[in-house]
């Protein structure tokens, strides 16, 4: 079993057994390379990763292993250094069956990876 899964299971057990426990100092897990790599792979496996956000980066730009590694390293440095800020969300309008349109927000791939890492951390809790 990998370290991510072990950590998630230990958080889930603790959250179930100690209802009053407040988890603290979890931020260091968000910028761990293995967590970011796992989050990136999950995001890239989604069909929506074909669509680029405002930064114009999509799954096509991260085909090679070196590109993925560089992406994860750059994102890790931003998160660890406290310089990461989410980008604006790209807005598109999707037609509905009744002829109207609904808004669709498309975050950047980087923001989706951070969101996935947060989900991986918080969902077990």
N, C-alpha and C. Protein backbone atom coordinates (compact mmCIF):
# COMPACT_ATOMS: atom_id res chain seq x y z
N UNK A 1 0.85 -1.18 0.00
CA UNK A 1 0.00 0.00 0.00
C UNK A 1 0.90 1.25 0.00
N UNK A 2 0.53 2.23 -0.80
CA UNK A 2 1.38 3.41 -0.90
C UNK A 2 1.17 4.36 0.28
N UNK A 3 2.11 5.30 0.44
CA UNK A 3 2.09 6.23 1.56
C UNK A 3 0.84 7.12 1.56
N UNK A 4 0.39 7.52 0.37
CA UNK A 4 -0.79 8.39 0.29
C UNK A 4 -2.00 7.66 0.86
N UNK A 5 -2.19 6.43 0.43
CA UNK A 5 -3.34 5.64 0.90
C UNK A 5 -3.25 5.39 2.41
N UNK A 6 -2.06 5.11 2.91
CA UNK A 6 -1.89 4.89 4.35
C UNK A 6 -2.25 6.15 5.13
N UNK A 7 -1.79 7.29 4.65
CA UNK A 7 -2.09 8.56 5.32
C UNK A 7 -3.58 8.83 5.30
N UNK A 8 -4.22 8.62 4.16
CA UNK A 8 -5.66 8.85 4.06
C UNK A 8 -6.43 7.93 5.02
N UNK A 9 -6.02 6.68 5.08
CA UNK A 9 -6.71 5.74 5.97
C UNK A 9 -6.49 6.10 7.44
N UNK A 10 -5.30 6.55 7.78
CA UNK A 10 -5.07 6.94 9.18
C UNK A 10 -5.88 8.18 9.55
N UNK A 11 -6.00 9.13 8.61
CA UNK A 11 -6.84 10.31 8.86
C UNK A 11 -8.30 9.90 9.03
N UNK A 12 -8.76 8.99 8.19
CA UNK A 12 -10.16 8.54 8.27
C UNK A 12 -10.43 7.84 9.60
N UNK A 13 -9.51 6.98 10.01
CA UNK A 13 -9.68 6.28 11.30
C UNK A 13 -9.72 7.28 12.45
N UNK A 14 -8.79 8.22 12.45
CA UNK A 14 -8.71 9.20 13.53
C UNK A 14 -9.97 10.06 13.56
N UNK A 15 -10.45 10.47 12.39
CA UNK A 15 -11.64 11.31 12.31
C UNK A 15 -12.87 10.56 12.82
N UNK A 16 -12.94 9.26 12.58
CA UNK A 16 -14.08 8.47 13.04
C UNK A 16 -14.01 8.15 14.53
N UNK A 17 -12.81 7.93 15.04
CA UNK A 17 -12.66 7.52 16.43
C UNK A 17 -12.58 8.70 17.40
N UNK A 18 -12.09 9.83 16.95
CA UNK A 18 -11.95 11.01 17.81
C UNK A 18 -12.69 12.17 17.15
N UNK A 19 -13.98 12.23 17.37
CA UNK A 19 -14.82 13.20 16.68
C UNK A 19 -14.45 14.65 16.99
N UNK A 20 -13.89 14.91 18.17
CA UNK A 20 -13.53 16.27 18.54
C UNK A 20 -12.15 16.68 18.04
N UNK A 21 -11.40 15.73 17.51
CA UNK A 21 -10.03 16.04 17.07
C UNK A 21 -10.05 17.04 15.92
N UNK A 22 -9.16 18.01 15.98
CA UNK A 22 -8.99 19.00 14.91
C UNK A 22 -7.63 18.77 14.29
N UNK A 23 -7.63 18.49 13.03
CA UNK A 23 -6.39 18.25 12.31
C UNK A 23 -5.69 19.57 12.05
N UNK A 24 -4.43 19.61 12.32
CA UNK A 24 -3.65 20.82 12.11
C UNK A 24 -2.39 20.51 11.32
N UNK A 25 -1.79 21.55 10.78
CA UNK A 25 -0.53 21.44 10.06
C UNK A 25 -0.57 20.38 8.96
N UNK A 26 -1.57 20.49 8.09
CA UNK A 26 -1.71 19.56 6.98
C UNK A 26 -1.13 20.11 5.68
N UNK A 27 -0.79 21.38 5.68
CA UNK A 27 -0.37 22.03 4.44
C UNK A 27 0.85 21.35 3.81
N UNK A 28 1.76 20.84 4.63
CA UNK A 28 2.97 20.22 4.10
C UNK A 28 2.66 19.01 3.21
N UNK A 29 1.51 18.38 3.42
CA UNK A 29 1.13 17.25 2.58
C UNK A 29 0.73 17.69 1.18
N UNK A 30 0.16 18.89 1.08
CA UNK A 30 -0.32 19.39 -0.20
C UNK A 30 0.82 19.57 -1.19
N UNK A 31 1.98 19.97 -0.73
CA UNK A 31 3.07 20.20 -1.67
C UNK A 31 4.08 19.05 -1.73
N UNK A 32 3.74 17.91 -1.18
CA UNK A 32 4.60 16.74 -1.34
C UNK A 32 4.56 16.29 -2.80
N UNK A 33 5.70 15.92 -3.31
CA UNK A 33 5.79 15.55 -4.73
C UNK A 33 4.89 14.37 -5.08
N UNK A 34 4.85 13.35 -4.21
CA UNK A 34 4.02 12.18 -4.52
C UNK A 34 2.53 12.53 -4.53
N UNK A 35 2.10 13.42 -3.65
CA UNK A 35 0.70 13.84 -3.62
C UNK A 35 0.36 14.64 -4.88
N UNK A 36 1.24 15.55 -5.26
CA UNK A 36 0.99 16.35 -6.46
C UNK A 36 1.02 15.48 -7.72
N UNK A 37 1.93 14.53 -7.78
CA UNK A 37 2.02 13.63 -8.94
C UNK A 37 0.74 12.80 -9.05
N UNK A 38 0.28 12.27 -7.92
CA UNK A 38 -0.95 11.49 -7.91
C UNK A 38 -2.14 12.35 -8.31
N UNK A 39 -2.21 13.56 -7.79
CA UNK A 39 -3.30 14.48 -8.14
C UNK A 39 -3.26 14.81 -9.63
N UNK A 40 -2.07 15.04 -10.18
CA UNK A 40 -1.93 15.33 -11.60
C UNK A 40 -2.44 14.17 -12.44
N UNK A 41 -2.06 12.95 -12.09
CA UNK A 41 -2.50 11.78 -12.85
C UNK A 41 -4.03 11.64 -12.81
N UNK A 42 -4.63 11.92 -11.66
CA UNK A 42 -6.09 11.86 -11.56
C UNK A 42 -6.74 12.93 -12.43
N UNK A 43 -6.18 14.13 -12.41
CA UNK A 43 -6.74 15.22 -13.22
C UNK A 43 -6.59 14.91 -14.71
N UNK A 44 -5.43 14.41 -15.11
CA UNK A 44 -5.20 14.11 -16.52
C UNK A 44 -6.06 12.96 -17.02
N UNK A 45 -6.51 12.10 -16.13
CA UNK A 45 -7.37 10.98 -16.54
C UNK A 45 -8.81 11.43 -16.78
N UNK A 46 -9.16 12.63 -16.34
CA UNK A 46 -10.50 13.17 -16.58
C UNK A 46 -10.61 13.69 -18.00
N UNK A 47 -11.77 13.46 -18.65
CA UNK A 47 -11.93 13.99 -20.02
C UNK A 47 -11.84 15.51 -20.08
N UNK A 48 -12.18 16.19 -19.02
CA UNK A 48 -12.13 17.65 -19.00
C UNK A 48 -10.74 18.23 -19.09
N UNK A 49 -9.71 17.40 -18.88
CA UNK A 49 -8.35 17.91 -18.94
C UNK A 49 -7.91 18.26 -20.36
N UNK A 50 -8.74 17.89 -21.34
CA UNK A 50 -8.45 18.30 -22.73
C UNK A 50 -8.68 19.79 -22.90
N UNK A 51 -9.53 20.37 -22.05
CA UNK A 51 -9.88 21.78 -22.15
C UNK A 51 -8.93 22.62 -21.31
N UNK A 52 -8.32 23.60 -21.94
CA UNK A 52 -7.37 24.47 -21.25
C UNK A 52 -8.10 25.59 -20.53
N UNK A 53 -7.49 26.07 -19.45
CA UNK A 53 -8.01 27.24 -18.73
C UNK A 53 -7.43 28.50 -19.34
N UNK A 54 -7.42 29.58 -18.56
CA UNK A 54 -6.92 30.85 -19.08
C UNK A 54 -5.43 30.82 -19.41
N UNK A 55 -4.69 29.88 -18.84
CA UNK A 55 -3.24 29.77 -19.12
C UNK A 55 -2.95 28.97 -20.39
N UNK A 56 -3.99 28.41 -21.00
CA UNK A 56 -3.89 27.66 -22.26
C UNK A 56 -3.10 26.36 -22.15
N UNK A 57 -2.94 25.80 -20.95
CA UNK A 57 -2.26 24.52 -20.76
C UNK A 57 -3.32 23.43 -20.64
N UNK A 58 -3.17 22.37 -21.44
CA UNK A 58 -4.10 21.25 -21.40
C UNK A 58 -3.32 19.95 -21.31
N UNK A 59 -4.04 18.85 -21.36
CA UNK A 59 -3.42 17.52 -21.28
C UNK A 59 -2.39 17.32 -22.39
N UNK A 60 -2.61 17.90 -23.55
CA UNK A 60 -1.68 17.77 -24.68
C UNK A 60 -0.29 18.31 -24.34
N UNK A 61 -0.25 19.31 -23.46
CA UNK A 61 1.03 19.92 -23.10
C UNK A 61 1.81 19.11 -22.07
N UNK A 62 1.19 18.06 -21.54
CA UNK A 62 1.84 17.25 -20.50
C UNK A 62 1.88 15.77 -20.90
N UNK A 63 2.19 15.51 -22.15
CA UNK A 63 2.25 14.12 -22.63
C UNK A 63 3.51 13.40 -22.16
N UNK A 64 4.61 14.09 -22.21
CA UNK A 64 5.90 13.48 -21.88
C UNK A 64 6.13 13.50 -20.36
N UNK A 65 6.88 12.51 -19.91
CA UNK A 65 7.16 12.39 -18.47
C UNK A 65 7.95 13.60 -17.96
N UNK A 66 8.86 14.12 -18.78
CA UNK A 66 9.65 15.30 -18.36
C UNK A 66 8.75 16.51 -18.17
N UNK A 67 7.74 16.65 -19.02
CA UNK A 67 6.81 17.77 -18.91
C UNK A 67 6.00 17.68 -17.61
N UNK A 68 5.57 16.47 -17.29
CA UNK A 68 4.81 16.26 -16.04
C UNK A 68 5.70 16.56 -14.83
N UNK A 69 6.93 16.08 -14.87
CA UNK A 69 7.86 16.31 -13.77
C UNK A 69 8.13 17.80 -13.58
N UNK A 70 8.36 18.50 -14.68
CA UNK A 70 8.61 19.95 -14.60
C UNK A 70 7.38 20.68 -14.07
N UNK A 71 6.19 20.27 -14.50
CA UNK A 71 4.94 20.87 -14.03
C UNK A 71 4.78 20.69 -12.52
N UNK A 72 5.00 19.46 -12.06
CA UNK A 72 4.86 19.15 -10.63
C UNK A 72 5.91 19.91 -9.82
N UNK A 73 7.15 19.97 -10.30
CA UNK A 73 8.21 20.67 -9.58
C UNK A 73 7.92 22.16 -9.46
N UNK A 74 7.43 22.75 -10.55
CA UNK A 74 7.11 24.18 -10.52
C UNK A 74 5.95 24.47 -9.57
N UNK A 75 4.92 23.64 -9.63
CA UNK A 75 3.78 23.82 -8.75
C UNK A 75 4.18 23.60 -7.29
N UNK A 76 5.00 22.60 -7.06
CA UNK A 76 5.49 22.32 -5.69
C UNK A 76 6.26 23.52 -5.13
N UNK A 77 7.11 24.11 -5.96
CA UNK A 77 7.89 25.27 -5.53
C UNK A 77 6.97 26.45 -5.19
N UNK A 78 5.93 26.65 -5.98
CA UNK A 78 4.97 27.73 -5.69
C UNK A 78 4.24 27.48 -4.39
N UNK A 79 3.75 26.25 -4.20
CA UNK A 79 3.01 25.92 -2.98
C UNK A 79 3.91 26.01 -1.75
N UNK A 80 5.09 25.45 -1.85
CA UNK A 80 6.02 25.45 -0.72
C UNK A 80 6.48 26.86 -0.38
N UNK A 81 6.71 27.67 -1.41
CA UNK A 81 7.19 29.03 -1.20
C UNK A 81 6.11 30.04 -0.86
N UNK A 82 4.85 29.60 -0.92
CA UNK A 82 3.74 30.51 -0.60
C UNK A 82 3.43 31.51 -1.70
N UNK A 83 3.87 31.22 -2.92
CA UNK A 83 3.62 32.14 -4.02
C UNK A 83 2.50 31.66 -4.95
N UNK A 84 1.89 30.53 -4.64
CA UNK A 84 0.80 30.02 -5.47
C UNK A 84 -0.47 30.83 -5.23
N UNK A 85 -1.09 31.25 -6.31
CA UNK A 85 -2.40 31.90 -6.26
C UNK A 85 -3.24 31.33 -7.39
N UNK A 86 -4.50 31.00 -7.12
CA UNK A 86 -5.36 30.49 -8.21
C UNK A 86 -5.53 31.54 -9.30
N UNK A 87 -5.65 31.06 -10.52
CA UNK A 87 -5.85 31.92 -11.68
C UNK A 87 -7.35 32.17 -11.88
N UNK A 88 -7.70 33.19 -12.62
CA UNK A 88 -9.12 33.39 -12.95
C UNK A 88 -9.65 32.17 -13.71
N UNK A 89 -10.93 31.97 -13.60
CA UNK A 89 -11.58 30.83 -14.25
C UNK A 89 -12.09 31.26 -15.62
N UNK A 90 -11.83 30.45 -16.61
CA UNK A 90 -12.32 30.72 -17.97
C UNK A 90 -13.83 30.45 -18.01
N UNK A 91 -14.59 31.36 -18.58
CA UNK A 91 -16.05 31.24 -18.61
C UNK A 91 -16.51 30.86 -20.02
N UNK A 92 -17.31 29.83 -20.09
CA UNK A 92 -17.94 29.41 -21.33
C UNK A 92 -19.43 29.21 -21.06
N UNK A 93 -20.22 29.37 -22.10
CA UNK A 93 -21.66 29.19 -21.97
C UNK A 93 -22.07 27.93 -22.72
N UNK A 94 -22.80 27.06 -22.03
CA UNK A 94 -23.22 25.77 -22.57
C UNK A 94 -24.72 25.82 -22.84
N UNK A 95 -25.15 25.41 -24.04
CA UNK A 95 -26.59 25.42 -24.33
C UNK A 95 -27.34 24.35 -23.50
N UNK A 96 -28.52 24.73 -23.04
CA UNK A 96 -29.39 23.80 -22.31
C UNK A 96 -30.48 23.30 -23.25
N UNK A 97 -31.20 22.27 -22.83
CA UNK A 97 -32.24 21.68 -23.65
C UNK A 97 -33.37 22.66 -23.95
N UNK A 98 -33.64 23.59 -23.01
CA UNK A 98 -34.74 24.54 -23.20
C UNK A 98 -34.35 25.75 -24.06
N UNK A 99 -33.16 25.74 -24.64
CA UNK A 99 -32.72 26.83 -25.50
C UNK A 99 -31.92 27.90 -24.78
N UNK A 100 -31.95 27.90 -23.47
CA UNK A 100 -31.15 28.87 -22.71
C UNK A 100 -29.72 28.36 -22.59
N UNK A 101 -28.90 29.13 -21.91
CA UNK A 101 -27.51 28.73 -21.71
C UNK A 101 -27.18 28.77 -20.23
N UNK A 102 -26.23 27.92 -19.86
CA UNK A 102 -25.76 27.94 -18.47
C UNK A 102 -24.26 28.19 -18.48
N UNK A 103 -23.76 28.88 -17.45
CA UNK A 103 -22.32 29.17 -17.41
C UNK A 103 -21.51 27.95 -16.99
N UNK A 104 -20.33 27.86 -17.53
CA UNK A 104 -19.40 26.80 -17.17
C UNK A 104 -18.06 27.46 -16.87
N UNK A 105 -17.50 27.17 -15.70
CA UNK A 105 -16.19 27.70 -15.33
C UNK A 105 -15.12 26.66 -15.55
N UNK A 106 -14.05 27.03 -16.23
CA UNK A 106 -12.96 26.09 -16.53
C UNK A 106 -11.69 26.59 -15.84
N UNK A 107 -11.31 25.95 -14.72
CA UNK A 107 -10.07 26.36 -14.04
C UNK A 107 -8.84 25.90 -14.82
N UNK A 108 -7.70 26.47 -14.50
CA UNK A 108 -6.45 26.04 -15.13
C UNK A 108 -6.11 24.65 -14.63
N UNK A 109 -5.26 23.96 -15.37
CA UNK A 109 -4.83 22.62 -14.99
C UNK A 109 -4.12 22.66 -13.64
N UNK A 110 -3.33 23.69 -13.42
CA UNK A 110 -2.61 23.85 -12.15
C UNK A 110 -3.60 23.95 -10.98
N UNK A 111 -4.66 24.75 -11.16
CA UNK A 111 -5.66 24.90 -10.10
C UNK A 111 -6.42 23.60 -9.87
N UNK A 112 -6.67 22.86 -10.95
CA UNK A 112 -7.36 21.57 -10.80
C UNK A 112 -6.51 20.57 -10.03
N UNK A 113 -5.20 20.60 -10.24
CA UNK A 113 -4.30 19.70 -9.51
C UNK A 113 -4.29 20.06 -8.03
N UNK A 114 -4.24 21.35 -7.71
CA UNK A 114 -4.28 21.76 -6.30
C UNK A 114 -5.61 21.37 -5.67
N UNK A 115 -6.70 21.57 -6.40
CA UNK A 115 -8.02 21.17 -5.89
C UNK A 115 -8.07 19.66 -5.63
N UNK A 116 -7.49 18.87 -6.53
CA UNK A 116 -7.49 17.42 -6.37
C UNK A 116 -6.64 17.02 -5.16
N UNK A 117 -5.50 17.67 -4.97
CA UNK A 117 -4.65 17.37 -3.81
C UNK A 117 -5.40 17.69 -2.52
N UNK A 118 -6.11 18.81 -2.51
CA UNK A 118 -6.91 19.17 -1.33
C UNK A 118 -8.02 18.14 -1.10
N UNK A 119 -8.65 17.70 -2.17
CA UNK A 119 -9.70 16.69 -2.06
C UNK A 119 -9.14 15.39 -1.48
N UNK A 120 -7.96 14.99 -1.98
CA UNK A 120 -7.31 13.77 -1.49
C UNK A 120 -7.01 13.87 -0.01
N UNK A 121 -6.70 15.07 0.46
CA UNK A 121 -6.36 15.28 1.86
C UNK A 121 -7.60 15.37 2.75
N UNK A 122 -8.60 16.12 2.30
CA UNK A 122 -9.74 16.42 3.16
C UNK A 122 -10.86 15.37 3.11
N UNK A 123 -10.99 14.69 2.00
CA UNK A 123 -12.10 13.73 1.87
C UNK A 123 -12.09 12.64 2.96
N UNK A 124 -10.95 12.06 3.29
CA UNK A 124 -10.96 11.03 4.35
C UNK A 124 -11.34 11.60 5.72
N UNK A 125 -11.07 12.88 5.93
CA UNK A 125 -11.37 13.50 7.22
C UNK A 125 -12.86 13.79 7.30
